[in-house]
Amino acid sequence: MAVADRIRRNLSQGRTLLTFTCLQVGGQALGMIAPLVIAKFSSEAVFGRYSLARMIVFFFTSTLIASTQSPFVVYANQERERTGRISRSFTVQCLFFVVGLALYVLANSLFVGPITSFADITTSELLLVAAAFFGMALKAFLVNLFMALGRRVRSSLVELVYGVLVMTAVLALCTAGRLTLGWVFLTYFLAGIGVTALFAPMVSFKAVLPFELDRRHCRDMFDFAKWIVAGAAAVYFINWGDNLILRPYVSMAAIGTYNLAYQIFKGVLTVALALFAYFLPFISQHIDDPAVIRNYLFSKRPKILVLGLASIGLLFLVAPGLIGAIYRDAYAGSFAVLRVLLIGSAFMLYAVFYAPILNALKLYKIAQAVNILQVTVNILLDLVLVPRLGYQGAAVATSIAYFCHAAILEAYFHLRLKQKLGL
């Protein structure tokens, strides 16, 4: 009976993981495909401008909004275990959200000139970029809230529906011949309003309200969050920092070519990060149980890793041919860039399983120090390689930085974490 129960439990967990991952990846895939469609119906130079403007949006969403997921999920799950509610954690999360919006407005007001010059956009287009930020922020807030409530599948549904709305709007713009930067960024805003209207009524308000501000809880979450924000900024520059170095050295068309390959690469990274989002609540609840952690690291992880590496290998073989078939002579340089970046994605997949453990143990200083070291390596290599190799040098720098990230976490696991976890 014990064996049968274990088999049923594993099958149930496997179905939940598969459902969550499929929905999460489906939504993120649509978010990845939408820029690829935009690239198909615009020139390399226009896609370069779009990529740089999108880079601005993602800086603020990743550092000010999405980065609060880990402290919110960890503290909310622990609070829910004790009281059955998450009102204290939700109150702090709402404060984070309001402060994030305010900081975005302030930054955009102070740096209008540098931002518009960097992305080669007009002031009116910048206002629509701000609307896109607000839409993405609403979506991220809902995703974080459902994760904190333990509704992982519903969280992934928010991602999926948001992706469907954005993709539908982009296809409509292409069909109508109205594919401009302004209209594209407006779709991100409207999609955010759409998912809020659909999913906000599904929130269990008895579990999150009334607001309850606990100073110690707020201080603890803020202490966690400030390191996550620093790490999120580091991860942002890993993902987008290449563009900062490329901008003075290559044309806008070359930036568009590089970002087409990088967009596909980011899709692979998104799958890896979906694993982090899925396992974080589970690991947070069982971090003191060596048997559970042992099963996670030495049973679940190898199976998922083998499947992921096989998928990356398949993409390595077929993606260049697909790019050539879709884009013809345009974006020709993306082929080689993508293959180099996919090597880095394999290292990312290997290392991502340590992230939930570090967050559950509240070793966020270690996690973010590793991220900061990774971005330092990435930028330094960019400065050396981009002037010599152009965007190919940026791809090489990114993959080497991901290798360094994985190697450091693996070493830290063997030197410190194994003993701390009782393995």
Protein backbone atom coordinates (compact mmCIF):
# COMPACT_ATOMS: atom_id res chain seq x y z
CA MET A 1 0.00 0.00 0.00
CA ALA A 2 2.80 2.40 0.82
CA VAL A 3 4.34 1.84 -2.61
CA ALA A 4 0.97 2.34 -4.32
CA ASP A 5 0.33 5.54 -2.35
CA ARG A 6 3.74 6.87 -3.28
CA ILE A 7 3.15 6.11 -6.94
CA ARG A 8 -0.24 7.87 -6.87
CA ARG A 9 1.29 10.85 -5.08
CA ASN A 10 4.11 11.11 -7.61
CA LEU A 11 1.66 10.87 -10.49
CA SER A 12 -0.49 13.59 -8.95
CA GLN A 13 2.51 15.86 -8.40
CA GLY A 14 3.68 15.13 -11.93
CA ARG A 15 0.30 16.09 -13.38
CA THR A 16 0.26 19.32 -11.37
CA LEU A 17 3.78 20.18 -12.47
CA LEU A 18 2.95 19.34 -16.08
CA THR A 19 -0.24 21.43 -16.01
CA PHE A 20 1.49 24.36 -14.34
CA THR A 21 4.49 24.21 -16.68
CA CYS A 22 2.38 23.86 -19.83
CA LEU A 23 0.18 26.82 -18.91
CA GLN A 24 3.12 28.92 -17.73
CA VAL A 25 5.24 28.09 -20.75
CA GLY A 26 2.26 28.56 -23.04
CA GLY A 27 1.73 32.10 -21.79
CA GLN A 28 5.42 32.90 -21.85
CA ALA A 29 5.74 31.33 -25.30
CA LEU A 30 3.05 33.64 -26.62
CA GLY A 31 4.90 36.53 -25.01
CA MET A 32 8.02 35.35 -26.83
CA ILE A 33 6.29 34.76 -30.17
CA ALA A 34 4.61 38.19 -30.25
CA PRO A 35 7.98 40.01 -30.69
CA LEU A 36 8.95 37.44 -33.36
CA VAL A 37 5.78 38.31 -35.26
CA ILE A 38 6.60 41.99 -34.85
CA ALA A 39 10.06 41.28 -36.27
CA LYS A 40 8.51 39.50 -39.26
CA PHE A 41 6.39 42.51 -40.19
CA SER A 42 8.98 45.22 -39.50
CA SER A 43 12.54 45.98 -40.51
CA GLU A 44 15.59 45.07 -38.46
CA ALA A 45 16.02 48.73 -37.49
CA VAL A 46 12.41 49.13 -36.30
CA PHE A 47 12.67 45.88 -34.35
CA GLY A 48 15.85 47.24 -32.79
CA ARG A 49 13.95 50.33 -31.59
CA TYR A 50 11.17 48.11 -30.26
CA SER A 51 13.70 45.95 -28.41
CA LEU A 52 15.39 48.93 -26.75
CA ALA A 53 12.04 50.45 -25.71
CA ARG A 54 10.94 47.07 -24.34
CA MET A 55 14.22 46.91 -22.48
CA ILE A 56 13.20 50.03 -20.56
CA VAL A 57 9.85 48.50 -19.58
CA PHE A 58 11.45 45.27 -18.41
CA PHE A 59 13.97 47.12 -16.26
CA PHE A 60 11.23 48.52 -14.09
CA THR A 61 8.92 45.49 -14.13
CA SER A 62 11.72 43.09 -13.24
CA THR A 63 13.32 45.24 -10.53
CA LEU A 64 10.28 46.94 -8.99
CA ILE A 65 7.37 44.53 -9.50
CA ALA A 66 8.25 40.95 -10.49
CA SER A 67 11.25 40.82 -8.15
CA THR A 68 8.97 40.92 -5.09
CA GLN A 69 7.56 37.48 -5.94
CA SER A 70 10.09 35.49 -3.92
CA PRO A 71 9.74 37.37 -0.58
CA PHE A 72 5.96 37.53 -1.03
CA VAL A 73 5.60 33.81 -1.79
CA VAL A 74 8.00 32.68 0.93
CA TYR A 75 6.52 34.82 3.71
CA ALA A 76 2.92 34.33 2.56
CA ASN A 77 3.25 30.55 2.54
CA GLN A 78 4.76 30.58 6.02
CA GLU A 79 2.03 32.93 7.24
CA ARG A 80 -0.66 30.75 5.64
CA GLU A 81 0.75 27.68 7.38
CA ARG A 82 0.37 29.44 10.76
CA THR A 83 -2.89 31.37 10.35
CA GLY A 84 -4.59 30.22 7.14
CA ARG A 85 -4.42 33.79 5.81
CA ILE A 86 -1.81 36.04 4.14
CA SER A 87 -3.11 39.50 5.09
CA ARG A 88 0.20 40.73 6.55
CA SER A 89 2.23 39.63 3.55
CA PHE A 90 -0.40 40.97 1.13
CA THR A 91 -0.37 44.37 2.82
CA VAL A 92 3.39 44.64 2.36
CA GLN A 93 3.10 43.43 -1.24
CA CYS A 94 0.57 46.20 -1.98
CA LEU A 95 3.01 48.74 -0.54
CA PHE A 96 5.75 47.37 -2.78
CA PHE A 97 3.43 47.69 -5.80
CA VAL A 98 2.48 51.32 -5.11
CA VAL A 99 6.10 52.32 -4.45
CA GLY A 100 7.16 50.58 -7.67
CA LEU A 101 4.64 52.54 -9.74
CA ALA A 102 5.70 55.80 -8.10
CA LEU A 103 9.40 55.16 -8.75
CA TYR A 104 8.67 54.39 -12.40
CA VAL A 105 6.79 57.66 -12.88
CA LEU A 106 9.58 59.59 -11.14
CA ALA A 107 12.36 57.99 -13.19
CA ASN A 108 10.57 58.58 -16.49
CA SER A 109 9.90 62.21 -15.56
CA LEU A 110 13.54 62.88 -14.70
CA PHE A 111 15.15 61.04 -17.64
CA VAL A 112 12.86 61.69 -20.59
CA GLY A 113 15.71 62.89 -22.83
CA PRO A 114 18.19 60.05 -22.22
CA ILE A 115 15.48 57.38 -22.50
CA THR A 116 14.02 58.65 -25.78
CA SER A 117 17.51 59.12 -27.23
CA PHE A 118 18.66 55.64 -26.24
CA ALA A 119 15.62 53.86 -27.70
CA ASP A 120 15.22 56.33 -30.60
CA ILE A 121 11.55 56.93 -29.74
CA THR A 122 9.39 60.04 -29.47
CA THR A 123 7.96 61.50 -26.25
CA SER A 124 4.46 60.35 -27.23
CA GLU A 125 5.79 56.83 -27.77
CA LEU A 126 7.41 56.99 -24.34
CA LEU A 127 3.97 57.64 -22.80
CA LEU A 128 2.67 54.47 -24.44
CA VAL A 129 5.74 52.61 -23.15
CA ALA A 130 4.67 53.78 -19.68
CA ALA A 131 1.18 52.36 -20.33
CA ALA A 132 2.81 49.05 -21.28
CA PHE A 133 4.67 49.05 -17.98
CA PHE A 134 1.42 49.54 -16.06
CA GLY A 135 -0.23 46.64 -17.91
CA MET A 136 2.71 44.32 -17.25
CA ALA A 137 2.81 45.41 -13.60
CA LEU A 138 -0.85 44.47 -13.13
CA LYS A 139 -0.23 41.05 -14.64
CA ALA A 140 2.84 40.45 -12.45
CA PHE A 141 0.91 41.50 -9.34
CA LEU A 142 -1.82 38.93 -10.06
CA VAL A 143 0.71 36.20 -10.82
CA ASN A 144 2.50 36.85 -7.52
CA LEU A 145 -0.78 36.94 -5.58
CA PHE A 146 -2.03 33.58 -6.83
CA MET A 147 1.38 32.01 -6.19
CA ALA A 148 1.27 33.34 -2.63
CA LEU A 149 -2.20 31.84 -2.18
CA GLY A 150 -0.93 28.46 -3.34
CA ARG A 151 -2.98 28.66 -6.56
CA ARG A 152 -0.13 27.81 -8.88
CA VAL A 153 -2.24 26.66 -11.82
CA ARG A 154 -4.38 29.80 -11.66
CA SER A 155 -1.20 31.86 -11.52
CA SER A 156 -0.03 30.23 -14.74
CA LEU A 157 -3.46 30.84 -16.28
CA VAL A 158 -2.95 34.57 -15.76
CA GLU A 159 0.28 34.29 -17.77
CA LEU A 160 -1.46 32.31 -20.50
CA VAL A 161 -4.45 34.62 -20.88
CA TYR A 162 -2.19 37.68 -20.89
CA GLY A 163 -0.10 36.10 -23.64
CA VAL A 164 -3.22 35.25 -25.66
CA LEU A 165 -4.52 38.82 -25.40
CA VAL A 166 -1.19 40.34 -26.46
CA MET A 167 -0.76 37.89 -29.32
CA THR A 168 -4.31 38.43 -30.58
CA ALA A 169 -3.84 42.19 -30.57
CA VAL A 170 -0.48 41.99 -32.39
CA LEU A 171 -1.96 39.75 -35.10
CA ALA A 172 -4.88 42.15 -35.46
CA LEU A 173 -2.46 45.06 -35.91
CA CYS A 174 -0.50 43.12 -38.53
CA THR A 175 -3.69 42.27 -40.41
CA ALA A 176 -4.91 45.87 -40.29
CA GLY A 177 -1.53 47.27 -41.33
CA ARG A 178 -1.30 49.35 -38.13
CA LEU A 179 1.84 47.79 -36.67
CA THR A 180 3.57 50.80 -35.11
CA LEU A 181 5.55 51.04 -31.87
CA GLY A 182 2.81 53.06 -30.23
CA TRP A 183 0.05 50.57 -31.01
CA VAL A 184 2.24 47.63 -30.00
CA PHE A 185 2.93 49.02 -26.53
CA LEU A 186 -0.72 49.93 -26.09
CA THR A 187 -1.58 46.22 -26.48
CA TYR A 188 0.48 45.37 -23.36
CA PHE A 189 -1.54 47.90 -21.36
CA LEU A 190 -4.90 46.64 -22.62
CA ALA A 191 -3.91 43.02 -21.93
CA GLY A 192 -3.07 43.95 -18.33
CA ILE A 193 -6.48 45.57 -17.88
CA GLY A 194 -8.09 42.49 -19.44
CA VAL A 195 -6.49 39.91 -17.12
CA THR A 196 -7.24 42.08 -14.09
CA ALA A 197 -10.92 42.21 -15.02
CA LEU A 198 -11.01 38.45 -15.57
CA PHE A 199 -9.01 37.18 -12.60
CA ALA A 200 -9.43 39.74 -9.80
CA PRO A 201 -12.90 38.34 -8.92
CA MET A 202 -11.25 34.90 -8.44
CA VAL A 203 -9.05 36.10 -5.59
CA SER A 204 -9.98 34.74 -2.15
CA PHE A 205 -10.40 38.11 -0.45
CA LYS A 206 -11.09 36.44 2.92
CA ALA A 207 -7.49 35.23 2.86
CA VAL A 208 -5.93 38.60 2.00
CA LEU A 209 -8.14 41.23 3.64
CA PRO A 210 -8.43 43.29 5.74
CA PHE A 211 -5.05 44.96 5.40
CA GLU A 212 -2.83 44.31 8.39
CA LEU A 213 0.44 46.22 8.67
CA ASP A 214 2.88 44.47 10.97
CA ARG A 215 6.09 46.46 11.29
CA ARG A 216 8.33 43.49 11.93
CA HIS A 217 6.78 41.52 9.06
CA CYS A 218 7.21 44.56 6.82
CA ARG A 219 10.83 44.99 7.88
CA ASP A 220 11.62 41.32 7.30
CA MET A 221 10.02 41.28 3.84
CA PHE A 222 11.74 44.52 2.92
CA ASP A 223 15.10 43.12 4.01
CA PHE A 224 14.47 40.07 1.82
CA ALA A 225 13.15 42.20 -1.05
CA LYS A 226 16.02 44.67 -1.18
CA TRP A 227 18.45 41.84 -1.92
CA ILE A 228 16.07 40.32 -4.46
CA VAL A 229 15.73 43.72 -6.16
CA ALA A 230 19.52 44.02 -6.31
CA GLY A 231 19.69 40.53 -7.76
CA ALA A 232 16.83 41.28 -10.17
CA ALA A 233 18.73 44.32 -11.39
CA ALA A 234 21.74 42.08 -11.92
CA VAL A 235 19.63 39.51 -13.79
CA TYR A 236 18.12 42.33 -15.84
CA PHE A 237 21.55 43.47 -16.95
CA ILE A 238 22.43 39.85 -17.74
CA ASN A 239 19.35 39.69 -19.97
CA TRP A 240 19.49 43.18 -21.44
CA GLY A 241 22.91 44.62 -20.63
CA ASP A 242 24.35 43.46 -23.95
CA ASN A 243 22.21 46.14 -25.63
CA LEU A 244 23.88 48.86 -23.56
CA ILE A 245 27.27 47.84 -24.95
CA LEU A 246 26.00 47.13 -28.47
CA ARG A 247 24.28 50.53 -28.84
CA PRO A 248 27.48 52.60 -29.40
CA TYR A 249 29.23 49.95 -31.53
CA VAL A 250 26.64 48.54 -33.96
CA SER A 251 23.71 49.79 -36.03
CA MET A 252 20.07 49.68 -34.94
CA ALA A 253 19.54 46.95 -37.54
CA ALA A 254 22.30 44.86 -35.94
CA ILE A 255 20.65 45.34 -32.54
CA GLY A 256 17.41 44.06 -34.06
CA THR A 257 19.22 41.01 -35.48
CA TYR A 258 20.80 40.20 -32.12
CA ASN A 259 17.53 40.65 -30.23
CA LEU A 260 15.66 38.27 -32.52
CA ALA A 261 18.01 35.45 -31.46
CA TYR A 262 17.96 36.65 -27.87
CA GLN A 263 14.16 36.59 -27.82
CA ILE A 264 14.17 32.86 -28.62
CA PHE A 265 16.91 32.32 -26.01
CA LYS A 266 14.80 34.13 -23.41
CA GLY A 267 11.95 31.78 -24.20
CA VAL A 268 14.15 28.88 -23.12
CA LEU A 269 15.13 30.75 -19.95
CA THR A 270 11.46 31.34 -19.23
CA VAL A 271 10.84 27.59 -19.13
CA ALA A 272 13.66 27.24 -16.59
CA LEU A 273 12.28 30.07 -14.47
CA ALA A 274 8.85 28.41 -14.56
CA LEU A 275 10.45 25.50 -12.68
CA PHE A 276 11.72 27.95 -10.04
CA ALA A 277 8.25 29.49 -9.67
CA TYR A 278 6.63 26.05 -9.39
CA PHE A 279 8.98 24.60 -6.78
CA LEU A 280 9.45 27.71 -4.61
CA PRO A 281 6.26 27.32 -2.50
CA PHE A 282 6.85 23.57 -2.10
CA ILE A 283 10.49 23.96 -1.08
CA SER A 284 9.60 26.83 1.29
CA GLN A 285 7.19 24.54 3.16
CA HIS A 286 9.55 21.53 3.33
CA ILE A 287 12.98 23.12 3.63
CA ASP A 288 13.51 21.48 7.04
CA ASP A 289 12.74 17.98 5.75
CA PRO A 290 15.96 16.38 4.37
CA ALA A 291 14.04 13.49 2.80
CA VAL A 292 11.89 15.85 0.72
CA ILE A 293 14.87 17.96 -0.36
CA ARG A 294 16.86 14.83 -1.20
CA ASN A 295 14.01 13.59 -3.40
CA TYR A 296 13.79 17.01 -5.08
CA LEU A 297 17.52 17.22 -5.84
CA PHE A 298 18.39 13.61 -6.62
CA SER A 299 15.17 12.22 -8.08
CA LYS A 300 13.01 14.96 -9.58
CA ARG A 301 15.84 17.22 -10.73
CA PRO A 302 17.75 14.68 -12.90
CA LYS A 303 14.59 13.63 -14.75
CA ILE A 304 13.56 17.18 -15.52
CA LEU A 305 17.14 18.13 -16.40
CA VAL A 306 17.52 15.33 -18.96
CA LEU A 307 14.26 16.31 -20.65
CA GLY A 308 15.25 19.98 -20.67
CA LEU A 309 18.71 19.40 -22.12
CA ALA A 310 17.26 17.17 -24.84
CA SER A 311 14.81 19.94 -25.76
CA ILE A 312 17.61 22.52 -25.90
CA GLY A 313 19.63 20.17 -28.13
CA LEU A 314 16.70 19.77 -30.50
CA LEU A 315 16.21 23.54 -30.64
CA PHE A 316 19.94 23.94 -31.35
CA LEU A 317 19.50 21.75 -34.44
CA VAL A 318 16.23 23.04 -35.89
CA ALA A 319 15.91 26.71 -34.86
CA PRO A 320 18.32 28.18 -37.44
CA GLY A 321 16.44 26.44 -40.24
CA LEU A 322 13.13 27.71 -38.92
CA ILE A 323 14.45 31.27 -38.69
CA GLY A 324 15.65 31.06 -42.29
CA ALA A 325 12.31 29.71 -43.48
CA ILE A 326 10.30 32.42 -41.70
CA TYR A 327 12.49 35.50 -42.19
CA ARG A 328 14.21 34.59 -45.46
CA ASP A 329 17.20 36.89 -46.01
CA ALA A 330 16.42 39.17 -43.06
CA TYR A 331 18.04 38.55 -39.64
CA ALA A 332 20.61 36.21 -41.21
CA GLY A 333 23.12 36.82 -38.41
CA SER A 334 20.65 35.51 -35.81
CA PHE A 335 21.47 31.87 -36.62
CA ALA A 336 24.96 31.77 -35.17
CA VAL A 337 24.02 34.04 -32.25
CA LEU A 338 21.17 31.74 -31.20
CA ARG A 339 23.35 28.63 -31.15
CA VAL A 340 25.91 30.29 -28.89
CA LEU A 341 23.19 31.54 -26.56
CA LEU A 342 21.58 28.09 -26.32
CA ILE A 343 24.79 26.78 -24.80
CA GLY A 344 24.32 29.33 -22.02
CA SER A 345 20.69 28.22 -21.55
CA ALA A 346 21.87 24.69 -20.71
CA PHE A 347 23.95 26.10 -17.84
CA MET A 348 20.98 28.17 -16.69
CA LEU A 349 18.73 25.10 -16.61
CA TYR A 350 21.31 23.19 -14.58
CA ALA A 351 21.58 25.92 -11.94
CA VAL A 352 17.92 26.94 -11.61
CA PHE A 353 17.09 24.08 -9.21
CA TYR A 354 19.27 25.65 -6.50
CA ALA A 355 17.35 28.94 -6.55
CA PRO A 356 14.25 27.76 -4.60
CA ILE A 357 16.51 26.31 -1.89
CA LEU A 358 18.50 29.52 -1.49
CA ASN A 359 15.29 31.56 -1.28
CA ALA A 360 13.61 29.17 1.15
CA LEU A 361 16.67 29.30 3.41
CA LYS A 362 16.59 33.10 3.04
CA LEU A 363 20.14 33.00 1.68
CA TYR A 364 19.16 35.79 -0.67
CA LYS A 365 22.43 37.63 -0.09
CA ILE A 366 24.30 34.64 -1.51
CA ALA A 367 21.91 34.27 -4.45
CA GLN A 368 22.09 37.91 -5.38
CA ALA A 369 25.85 38.12 -4.89
CA VAL A 370 26.18 35.33 -7.46
CA ASN A 371 23.86 37.22 -9.83
CA ILE A 372 25.87 40.41 -9.41
CA LEU A 373 29.09 38.51 -10.08
CA GLN A 374 27.51 37.01 -13.20
CA VAL A 375 26.49 40.38 -14.62
CA THR A 376 29.95 41.78 -13.84
CA VAL A 377 31.54 38.97 -15.85
CA ASN A 378 29.01 39.48 -18.64
CA ILE A 379 29.55 43.24 -18.96
CA LEU A 380 33.34 43.01 -18.72
CA LEU A 381 33.41 40.37 -21.45
CA ASP A 382 31.01 42.50 -23.53
CA LEU A 383 33.42 45.43 -23.32
CA VAL A 384 36.24 43.21 -24.56
CA LEU A 385 34.41 41.13 -27.17
CA VAL A 386 31.77 43.43 -28.70
CA PRO A 387 34.26 45.92 -30.22
CA ARG A 388 36.05 42.98 -31.85
CA LEU A 389 33.24 40.56 -32.72
CA GLY A 390 30.11 42.71 -32.76
CA TYR A 391 26.90 41.03 -31.61
CA GLN A 392 28.52 37.60 -31.83
CA GLY A 393 30.84 38.74 -29.03
CA ALA A 394 27.83 39.65 -26.90
CA ALA A 395 26.45 36.13 -27.31
CA VAL A 396 29.77 34.55 -26.29
CA ALA A 397 29.96 36.82 -23.23
CA THR A 398 26.43 35.84 -22.15
CA SER A 399 27.07 32.09 -22.38
CA ILE A 400 30.35 32.33 -20.46
CA ALA A 401 28.58 34.34 -17.74
CA TYR A 402 25.89 31.66 -17.38
CA PHE A 403 28.57 28.99 -17.09
CA CYS A 404 30.21 30.97 -14.27
CA HIS A 405 26.85 31.28 -12.51
CA ALA A 406 26.22 27.53 -12.64
CA ALA A 407 29.77 26.66 -11.55
CA ILE A 408 29.63 28.95 -8.50
CA LEU A 409 26.26 27.59 -7.33
CA GLU A 410 27.41 24.01 -7.78
CA ALA A 411 30.53 24.69 -5.73
CA TYR A 412 28.51 26.45 -3.02
CA PHE A 413 26.08 23.54 -2.84
CA HIS A 414 28.87 21.02 -2.18
CA LEU A 415 30.81 23.27 0.20
CA ARG A 416 27.95 24.66 2.31
CA LEU A 417 24.41 23.70 1.36
CA LYS A 418 24.63 19.90 1.59
CA GLN A 419 25.62 20.05 5.24
CA LYS A 420 23.08 22.79 6.03
CA LEU A 421 20.29 20.72 4.47
CA GLY A 422 21.35 17.57 6.28
CA LEU A 423 22.03 15.67 3.04
